[in-house]
All heavy atoms as atom14 arrays in JSON, in Angstrom:
{
  "sequence": "HHNLLVAPGKKDFRGMLREMGRGLLVTELLGQGVNMVTG",
  "atom14_mask": [
    [1, 1, 1, 1, 1, 1, 1, 1, 1, 1, 0, 0, 0, 0],
    [1, 1, 1, 1, 1, 1, 1, 1, 1, 1, 0, 0, 0, 0],
    [1, 1, 1, 1, 1, 1, 1, 1, 0, 0, 0, 0, 0, 0],
    [1, 1, 1, 1, 1, 1, 1, 1, 0, 0, 0, 0, 0, 0],
    [1, 1, 1, 1, 1, 1, 1, 1, 0, 0, 0, 0, 0, 0],
    [1, 1, 1, 1, 1, 1, 1, 0, 0, 0, 0, 0, 0, 0],
    [1, 1, 1, 1, 1, 0, 0, 0, 0, 0, 0, 0, 0, 0],
    [1, 1, 1, 1, 1, 1, 1, 0, 0, 0, 0, 0, 0, 0],
    [1, 1, 1, 1, 0, 0, 0, 0, 0, 0, 0, 0, 0, 0],
    [1, 1, 1, 1, 1, 1, 1, 1, 1, 0, 0, 0, 0, 0],
    [1, 1, 1, 1, 1, 1, 1, 1, 1, 0, 0, 0, 0, 0],
    [1, 1, 1, 1, 1, 1, 1, 1, 0, 0, 0, 0, 0, 0],
    [1, 1, 1, 1, 1, 1, 1, 1, 1, 1, 1, 0, 0, 0],
    [1, 1, 1, 1, 1, 1, 1, 1, 1, 1, 1, 0, 0, 0],
    [1, 1, 1, 1, 0, 0, 0, 0, 0, 0, 0, 0, 0, 0],
    [1, 1, 1, 1, 1, 1, 1, 1, 0, 0, 0, 0, 0, 0],
    [1, 1, 1, 1, 1, 1, 1, 1, 0, 0, 0, 0, 0, 0],
    [1, 1, 1, 1, 1, 1, 1, 1, 1, 1, 1, 0, 0, 0],
    [1, 1, 1, 1, 1, 1, 1, 1, 1, 0, 0, 0, 0, 0],
    [1, 1, 1, 1, 1, 1, 1, 1, 0, 0, 0, 0, 0, 0],
    [1, 1, 1, 1, 0, 0, 0, 0, 0, 0, 0, 0, 0, 0],
    [1, 1, 1, 1, 1, 1, 1, 1, 1, 1, 1, 0, 0, 0],
    [1, 1, 1, 1, 0, 0, 0, 0, 0, 0, 0, 0, 0, 0],
    [1, 1, 1, 1, 1, 1, 1, 1, 0, 0, 0, 0, 0, 0],
    [1, 1, 1, 1, 1, 1, 1, 1, 0, 0, 0, 0, 0, 0],
    [1, 1, 1, 1, 1, 1, 1, 0, 0, 0, 0, 0, 0, 0],
    [1, 1, 1, 1, 1, 1, 1, 0, 0, 0, 0, 0, 0, 0],
    [1, 1, 1, 1, 1, 1, 1, 1, 1, 0, 0, 0, 0, 0],
    [1, 1, 1, 1, 1, 1, 1, 1, 0, 0, 0, 0, 0, 0],
    [1, 1, 1, 1, 1, 1, 1, 1, 0, 0, 0, 0, 0, 0],
    [1, 1, 1, 1, 0, 0, 0, 0, 0, 0, 0, 0, 0, 0],
    [1, 1, 1, 1, 1, 1, 1, 1, 1, 0, 0, 0, 0, 0],
    [1, 1, 1, 1, 0, 0, 0, 0, 0, 0, 0, 0, 0, 0],
    [1, 1, 1, 1, 1, 1, 1, 0, 0, 0, 0, 0, 0, 0],
    [1, 1, 1, 1, 1, 1, 1, 1, 0, 0, 0, 0, 0, 0],
    [1, 1, 1, 1, 1, 1, 1, 1, 0, 0, 0, 0, 0, 0],
    [1, 1, 1, 1, 1, 1, 1, 0, 0, 0, 0, 0, 0, 0],
    [1, 1, 1, 1, 1, 1, 1, 0, 0, 0, 0, 0, 0, 0],
    [1, 1, 1, 1, 0, 0, 0, 0, 0, 0, 0, 0, 0, 0]
  ],
  "atom14_positions": [
    [[15.62, 54.99, -29.67], [16.3, 54.13, -30.65], [17.06, 54.97, -31.66], [16.88, 56.19, -31.75], [15.29, 53.23, -31.36], [14.35, 53.98, -32.26], [14.7, 54.43, -33.51], [13.06, 54.35, -32.08], [13.68, 55.05, -34.07], [12.67, 55.03, -33.22], [0.0, 0.0, 0.0], [0.0, 0.0, 0.0], [0.0, 0.0, 0.0], [0.0, 0.0, 0.0]],
    [[17.89, 54.29, -32.44], [18.58, 54.94, -33.55], [17.95, 54.44, -34.86], [16.81, 53.98, -34.85], [20.08, 54.69, -33.44], [20.67, 55.33, -32.22], [20.69, 54.7, -30.98], [21.2, 56.55, -32.03], [21.23, 55.51, -30.08], [21.54, 56.64, -30.69], [0.0, 0.0, 0.0], [0.0, 0.0, 0.0], [0.0, 0.0, 0.0], [0.0, 0.0, 0.0]],
    [[18.62, 54.58, -35.97], [17.99, 54.23, -37.25], [17.53, 52.78, -37.27], [18.34, 51.87, -37.11], [18.98, 54.46, -38.4], [19.5, 55.88, -38.45], [18.73, 56.82, -38.47], [20.82, 56.02, -38.43], [0.0, 0.0, 0.0], [0.0, 0.0, 0.0], [0.0, 0.0, 0.0], [0.0, 0.0, 0.0], [0.0, 0.0, 0.0], [0.0, 0.0, 0.0]],
    [[16.23, 52.58, -37.46], [15.68, 51.23, -37.53], [15.25, 50.93, -38.96], [14.57, 51.74, -39.6], [14.47, 51.09, -36.61], [14.73, 51.17, -35.1], [13.43, 50.91, -34.34], [15.81, 50.19, -34.66], [0.0, 0.0, 0.0], [0.0, 0.0, 0.0], [0.0, 0.0, 0.0], [0.0, 0.0, 0.0], [0.0, 0.0, 0.0], [0.0, 0.0, 0.0]],
    [[15.65, 49.77, -39.45], [15.29, 49.33, -40.79], [14.47, 48.05, -40.7], [14.94, 47.04, -40.19], [16.54, 49.07, -41.63], [16.31, 48.39, -42.98], [15.52, 49.31, -43.92], [17.63, 47.98, -43.62], [0.0, 0.0, 0.0], [0.0, 0.0, 0.0], [0.0, 0.0, 0.0], [0.0, 0.0, 0.0], [0.0, 0.0, 0.0], [0.0, 0.0, 0.0]],
    [[13.22, 48.12, -41.19], [12.42, 46.92, -41.37], [12.72, 46.39, -42.77], [12.47, 47.08, -43.76], [10.91, 47.22, -41.23], [10.09, 45.95, -41.42], [10.62, 47.84, -39.87], [0.0, 0.0, 0.0], [0.0, 0.0, 0.0], [0.0, 0.0, 0.0], [0.0, 0.0, 0.0], [0.0, 0.0, 0.0], [0.0, 0.0, 0.0], [0.0, 0.0, 0.0]],
    [[13.31, 45.21, -42.84], [13.76, 44.68, -44.13], [12.59, 44.61, -45.12], [11.55, 44.03, -44.81], [14.37, 43.3, -43.94], [0.0, 0.0, 0.0], [0.0, 0.0, 0.0], [0.0, 0.0, 0.0], [0.0, 0.0, 0.0], [0.0, 0.0, 0.0], [0.0, 0.0, 0.0], [0.0, 0.0, 0.0], [0.0, 0.0, 0.0], [0.0, 0.0, 0.0]],
    [[12.75, 45.22, -46.29], [11.65, 45.23, -47.26], [11.52, 43.91, -48.0], [12.47, 43.14, -48.11], [12.07, 46.35, -48.23], [13.57, 46.32, -48.19], [13.92, 45.98, -46.76], [0.0, 0.0, 0.0], [0.0, 0.0, 0.0], [0.0, 0.0, 0.0], [0.0, 0.0, 0.0], [0.0, 0.0, 0.0], [0.0, 0.0, 0.0], [0.0, 0.0, 0.0]],
    [[10.3, 43.66, -48.5], [10.08, 42.53, -49.39], [10.37, 42.93, -50.82], [11.04, 43.93, -51.08], [0.0, 0.0, 0.0], [0.0, 0.0, 0.0], [0.0, 0.0, 0.0], [0.0, 0.0, 0.0], [0.0, 0.0, 0.0], [0.0, 0.0, 0.0], [0.0, 0.0, 0.0], [0.0, 0.0, 0.0], [0.0, 0.0, 0.0], [0.0, 0.0, 0.0]],
    [[9.84, 42.17, -51.76], [10.14, 42.41, -53.18], [9.02, 43.11, -53.93], [9.21, 43.55, -55.06], [10.47, 41.08, -53.85], [11.72, 40.41, -53.3], [12.02, 39.11, -54.03], [13.29, 38.45, -53.49], [13.6, 37.17, -54.18], [0.0, 0.0, 0.0], [0.0, 0.0, 0.0], [0.0, 0.0, 0.0], [0.0, 0.0, 0.0], [0.0, 0.0, 0.0]],
    [[7.84, 43.2, -53.33], [6.69, 43.75, -54.05], [6.58, 45.26, -53.84], [6.74, 45.76, -52.72], [5.39, 43.09, -53.56], [5.28, 41.6, -53.89], [3.94, 41.06, -53.43], [3.77, 39.59, -53.84], [4.7, 38.71, -53.1], [0.0, 0.0, 0.0], [0.0, 0.0, 0.0], [0.0, 0.0, 0.0], [0.0, 0.0, 0.0], [0.0, 0.0, 0.0]],
    [[6.29, 46.0, -54.94], [6.0, 47.41, -54.81], [4.58, 47.59, -54.3], [3.89, 46.61, -53.99], [6.22, 48.14, -56.14], [5.32, 47.62, -57.27], [4.37, 46.86, -56.99], [5.57, 47.98, -58.45], [0.0, 0.0, 0.0], [0.0, 0.0, 0.0], [0.0, 0.0, 0.0], [0.0, 0.0, 0.0], [0.0, 0.0, 0.0], [0.0, 0.0, 0.0]],
    [[4.12, 48.84, -54.21], [2.81, 49.09, -53.62], [1.69, 48.4, -54.41], [0.81, 47.77, -53.82], [2.55, 50.59, -53.56], [1.23, 50.96, -52.96], [0.96, 50.72, -51.62], [0.24, 51.53, -53.74], [-0.26, 51.05, -51.06], [-0.99, 51.86, -53.2], [-1.24, 51.63, -51.86], [0.0, 0.0, 0.0], [0.0, 0.0, 0.0], [0.0, 0.0, 0.0]],
    [[1.73, 48.47, -55.71], [0.7, 47.81, -56.52], [0.75, 46.29, -56.34], [-0.27, 45.61, -56.31], [0.86, 48.18, -57.99], [0.5, 49.63, -58.3], [0.5, 49.9, -59.8], [0.12, 51.26, -60.08], [-1.14, 51.7, -60.15], [-2.13, 50.84, -59.96], [-1.41, 52.95, -60.41], [0.0, 0.0, 0.0], [0.0, 0.0, 0.0], [0.0, 0.0, 0.0]],
    [[1.96, 45.78, -56.19], [2.11, 44.35, -55.94], [1.51, 43.95, -54.61], [0.93, 42.86, -54.48], [0.0, 0.0, 0.0], [0.0, 0.0, 0.0], [0.0, 0.0, 0.0], [0.0, 0.0, 0.0], [0.0, 0.0, 0.0], [0.0, 0.0, 0.0], [0.0, 0.0, 0.0], [0.0, 0.0, 0.0], [0.0, 0.0, 0.0], [0.0, 0.0, 0.0]],
    [[1.62, 44.82, -53.6], [1.02, 44.54, -52.3], [-0.51, 44.53, -52.4], [-1.17, 43.7, -51.79], [1.48, 45.58, -51.28], [2.98, 45.53, -50.98], [3.46, 44.06, -50.03], [2.85, 44.5, -48.41], [0.0, 0.0, 0.0], [0.0, 0.0, 0.0], [0.0, 0.0, 0.0], [0.0, 0.0, 0.0], [0.0, 0.0, 0.0], [0.0, 0.0, 0.0]],
    [[-1.06, 45.46, -53.18], [-2.51, 45.47, -53.39], [-2.97, 44.18, -54.06], [-3.98, 43.59, -53.68], [-2.92, 46.67, -54.25], [-2.83, 48.06, -53.6], [-3.13, 49.14, -54.64], [-3.8, 48.18, -52.42], [0.0, 0.0, 0.0], [0.0, 0.0, 0.0], [0.0, 0.0, 0.0], [0.0, 0.0, 0.0], [0.0, 0.0, 0.0], [0.0, 0.0, 0.0]],
    [[-2.21, 43.74, -55.06], [-2.59, 42.51, -55.75], [-2.5, 41.31, -54.83], [-3.34, 40.39, -54.9], [-1.7, 42.32, -56.99], [-2.02, 43.28, -58.14], [-1.33, 42.85, -59.41], [0.12, 42.98, -59.32], [0.79, 44.07, -59.66], [0.13, 45.14, -60.12], [2.1, 44.12, -59.57], [0.0, 0.0, 0.0], [0.0, 0.0, 0.0], [0.0, 0.0, 0.0]],
    [[-1.49, 41.3, -53.96], [-1.37, 40.18, -53.03], [-2.55, 40.15, -52.06], [-3.08, 39.08, -51.74], [-0.07, 40.26, -52.24], [0.09, 39.11, -51.25], [1.45, 39.08, -50.57], [2.34, 39.84, -50.98], [1.61, 38.29, -49.62], [0.0, 0.0, 0.0], [0.0, 0.0, 0.0], [0.0, 0.0, 0.0], [0.0, 0.0, 0.0], [0.0, 0.0, 0.0]],
    [[-2.99, 41.32, -51.59], [-4.14, 41.36, -50.68], [-5.4, 40.92, -51.4], [-6.21, 40.19, -50.84], [-4.32, 42.77, -50.12], [-5.53, 42.87, -49.18], [-5.63, 44.42, -48.26], [-5.9, 45.6, -49.58], [0.0, 0.0, 0.0], [0.0, 0.0, 0.0], [0.0, 0.0, 0.0], [0.0, 0.0, 0.0], [0.0, 0.0, 0.0], [0.0, 0.0, 0.0]],
    [[-5.57, 41.35, -52.64], [-6.74, 40.94, -53.41], [-7.99, 41.69, -53.01], [-8.45, 42.59, -53.7], [0.0, 0.0, 0.0], [0.0, 0.0, 0.0], [0.0, 0.0, 0.0], [0.0, 0.0, 0.0], [0.0, 0.0, 0.0], [0.0, 0.0, 0.0], [0.0, 0.0, 0.0], [0.0, 0.0, 0.0], [0.0, 0.0, 0.0], [0.0, 0.0, 0.0]],
    [[-8.54, 41.33, -51.88], [-9.75, 41.97, -51.36], [-9.52, 42.34, -49.9], [-9.13, 41.49, -49.09], [-10.96, 41.04, -51.46], [-12.25, 41.6, -50.87], [-13.39, 40.59, -50.99], [-14.64, 41.13, -50.48], [-15.02, 41.08, -49.2], [-14.22, 40.5, -48.31], [-16.18, 41.6, -48.83], [0.0, 0.0, 0.0], [0.0, 0.0, 0.0], [0.0, 0.0, 0.0]],
    [[-9.75, 43.61, -49.56], [-9.57, 44.02, -48.19], [-9.5, 45.52, -48.07], [-9.92, 46.27, -48.96], [0.0, 0.0, 0.0], [0.0, 0.0, 0.0], [0.0, 0.0, 0.0], [0.0, 0.0, 0.0], [0.0, 0.0, 0.0], [0.0, 0.0, 0.0], [0.0, 0.0, 0.0], [0.0, 0.0, 0.0], [0.0, 0.0, 0.0], [0.0, 0.0, 0.0]],
    [[-8.93, 45.98, -46.96], [-8.88, 47.41, -46.64], [-7.45, 47.93, -46.7], [-6.55, 47.38, -46.09], [-9.44, 47.64, -45.23], [-9.41, 49.07, -44.72], [-10.37, 49.96, -45.51], [-9.75, 49.1, -43.22], [0.0, 0.0, 0.0], [0.0, 0.0, 0.0], [0.0, 0.0, 0.0], [0.0, 0.0, 0.0], [0.0, 0.0, 0.0], [0.0, 0.0, 0.0]],
    [[-7.27, 49.01, -47.45], [-6.02, 49.76, -47.45], [-6.18, 50.92, -46.48], [-7.07, 51.76, -46.66], [-5.7, 50.29, -48.85], [-4.63, 51.39, -48.94], [-3.27, 50.88, -48.46], [-4.54, 51.94, -50.36], [0.0, 0.0, 0.0], [0.0, 0.0, 0.0], [0.0, 0.0, 0.0], [0.0, 0.0, 0.0], [0.0, 0.0, 0.0], [0.0, 0.0, 0.0]],
    [[-5.37, 50.97, -45.43], [-5.45, 52.02, -44.43], [-4.39, 53.08, -44.71], [-3.2, 52.77, -44.79], [-5.26, 51.45, -43.01], [-5.18, 52.58, -41.98], [-6.41, 50.52, -42.65], [0.0, 0.0, 0.0], [0.0, 0.0, 0.0], [0.0, 0.0, 0.0], [0.0, 0.0, 0.0], [0.0, 0.0, 0.0], [0.0, 0.0, 0.0], [0.0, 0.0, 0.0]],
    [[-4.84, 54.33, -44.85], [-3.92, 55.44, -45.09], [-3.9, 56.45, -43.95], [-3.05, 57.33, -43.92], [-4.27, 56.17, -46.39], [-5.61, 56.68, -46.3], [-4.18, 55.23, -47.59], [0.0, 0.0, 0.0], [0.0, 0.0, 0.0], [0.0, 0.0, 0.0], [0.0, 0.0, 0.0], [0.0, 0.0, 0.0], [0.0, 0.0, 0.0], [0.0, 0.0, 0.0]],
    [[-4.84, 56.31, -43.02], [-4.89, 57.23, -41.88], [-5.5, 56.53, -40.68], [-6.46, 55.77, -40.81], [-5.72, 58.47, -42.21], [-5.74, 59.5, -41.1], [-6.53, 60.76, -41.44], [-7.32, 60.71, -42.4], [-6.35, 61.77, -40.75], [0.0, 0.0, 0.0], [0.0, 0.0, 0.0], [0.0, 0.0, 0.0], [0.0, 0.0, 0.0], [0.0, 0.0, 0.0]],
    [[-4.92, 56.77, -39.51], [-5.44, 56.23, -38.26], [-5.81, 57.37, -37.32], [-5.13, 58.4, -37.29], [-4.41, 55.32, -37.59], [-4.16, 53.98, -38.29], [-2.95, 53.28, -37.69], [-5.39, 53.09, -38.23], [0.0, 0.0, 0.0], [0.0, 0.0, 0.0], [0.0, 0.0, 0.0], [0.0, 0.0, 0.0], [0.0, 0.0, 0.0], [0.0, 0.0, 0.0]],
    [[-6.86, 57.15, -36.54], [-7.37, 58.18, -35.64], [-7.48, 57.61, -34.23], [-7.75, 56.42, -34.05], [-8.74, 58.66, -36.1], [-8.84, 59.12, -37.57], [-10.29, 59.3, -37.97], [-8.06, 60.4, -37.78], [0.0, 0.0, 0.0], [0.0, 0.0, 0.0], [0.0, 0.0, 0.0], [0.0, 0.0, 0.0], [0.0, 0.0, 0.0], [0.0, 0.0, 0.0]],
    [[-7.3, 58.45, -33.22], [-7.47, 58.0, -31.85], [-6.27, 57.27, -31.31], [-5.29, 57.01, -32.01], [0.0, 0.0, 0.0], [0.0, 0.0, 0.0], [0.0, 0.0, 0.0], [0.0, 0.0, 0.0], [0.0, 0.0, 0.0], [0.0, 0.0, 0.0], [0.0, 0.0, 0.0], [0.0, 0.0, 0.0], [0.0, 0.0, 0.0], [0.0, 0.0, 0.0]],
    [[-6.35, 56.92, -30.04], [-5.23, 56.28, -29.34], [-5.64, 54.97, -28.69], [-5.24, 54.65, -27.58], [-4.68, 57.25, -28.27], [-4.23, 58.59, -28.8], [-3.06, 58.48, -29.75], [-2.18, 57.64, -29.56], [-3.02, 59.33, -30.77], [0.0, 0.0, 0.0], [0.0, 0.0, 0.0], [0.0, 0.0, 0.0], [0.0, 0.0, 0.0], [0.0, 0.0, 0.0]],
    [[-6.44, 54.17, -29.36], [-6.99, 52.96, -28.78], [-6.04, 51.78, -28.78], [-6.36, 50.73, -29.37], [0.0, 0.0, 0.0], [0.0, 0.0, 0.0], [0.0, 0.0, 0.0], [0.0, 0.0, 0.0], [0.0, 0.0, 0.0], [0.0, 0.0, 0.0], [0.0, 0.0, 0.0], [0.0, 0.0, 0.0], [0.0, 0.0, 0.0], [0.0, 0.0, 0.0]],
    [[-4.9, 51.91, -28.14], [-3.93, 50.81, -28.04], [-3.59, 50.59, -26.57], [-3.13, 51.5, -25.89], [-2.64, 51.13, -28.84], [-1.68, 49.95, -28.75], [-2.96, 51.46, -30.28], [0.0, 0.0, 0.0], [0.0, 0.0, 0.0], [0.0, 0.0, 0.0], [0.0, 0.0, 0.0], [0.0, 0.0, 0.0], [0.0, 0.0, 0.0], [0.0, 0.0, 0.0]],
    [[-3.82, 49.38, -26.09], [-3.5, 49.02, -24.72], [-2.15, 48.31, -24.73], [-2.03, 47.16, -25.16], [-4.58, 48.1, -24.15], [-4.39, 47.8, -22.67], [-3.27, 47.65, -22.19], [-5.5, 47.73, -21.94], [0.0, 0.0, 0.0], [0.0, 0.0, 0.0], [0.0, 0.0, 0.0], [0.0, 0.0, 0.0], [0.0, 0.0, 0.0], [0.0, 0.0, 0.0]],
    [[-1.11, 48.99, -24.23], [0.24, 48.43, -24.3], [0.45, 47.3, -23.3], [1.44, 46.57, -23.4], [1.27, 49.54, -24.06], [1.38, 50.53, -25.21], [1.75, 49.75, -26.81], [3.32, 48.99, -26.45], [0.0, 0.0, 0.0], [0.0, 0.0, 0.0], [0.0, 0.0, 0.0], [0.0, 0.0, 0.0], [0.0, 0.0, 0.0], [0.0, 0.0, 0.0]],
    [[-0.45, 47.13, -22.35], [-0.31, 46.03, -21.39], [-0.84, 44.73, -21.99], [-0.21, 43.67, -21.87], [-1.05, 46.35, -20.08], [-0.96, 45.17, -19.11], [-0.48, 47.62, -19.45], [0.0, 0.0, 0.0], [0.0, 0.0, 0.0], [0.0, 0.0, 0.0], [0.0, 0.0, 0.0], [0.0, 0.0, 0.0], [0.0, 0.0, 0.0], [0.0, 0.0, 0.0]],
    [[-1.98, 44.8, -22.66], [-2.6, 43.59, -23.22], [-2.34, 43.42, -24.71], [-2.49, 42.32, -25.25], [-4.12, 43.63, -23.01], [-4.67, 44.74, -23.75], [-4.45, 43.8, -21.54], [0.0, 0.0, 0.0], [0.0, 0.0, 0.0], [0.0, 0.0, 0.0], [0.0, 0.0, 0.0], [0.0, 0.0, 0.0], [0.0, 0.0, 0.0], [0.0, 0.0, 0.0]],
    [[-2.01, 44.52, -25.41], [-1.83, 44.47, -26.85], [-3.13, 44.69, -27.62], [-3.12, 44.67, -28.86], [0.0, 0.0, 0.0], [0.0, 0.0, 0.0], [0.0, 0.0, 0.0], [0.0, 0.0, 0.0], [0.0, 0.0, 0.0], [0.0, 0.0, 0.0], [0.0, 0.0, 0.0], [0.0, 0.0, 0.0], [0.0, 0.0, 0.0], [0.0, 0.0, 0.0]]
  ]
}
């Protein structure tokens, strides 16, 4: 592919945290556990 742009929303990072409220912020992923046939 060439330059891909995912259109941004209006909330900054802190705004995204506030919208989530309670949950997990992921900053690192490990392993290759993705099945591209089934998703």
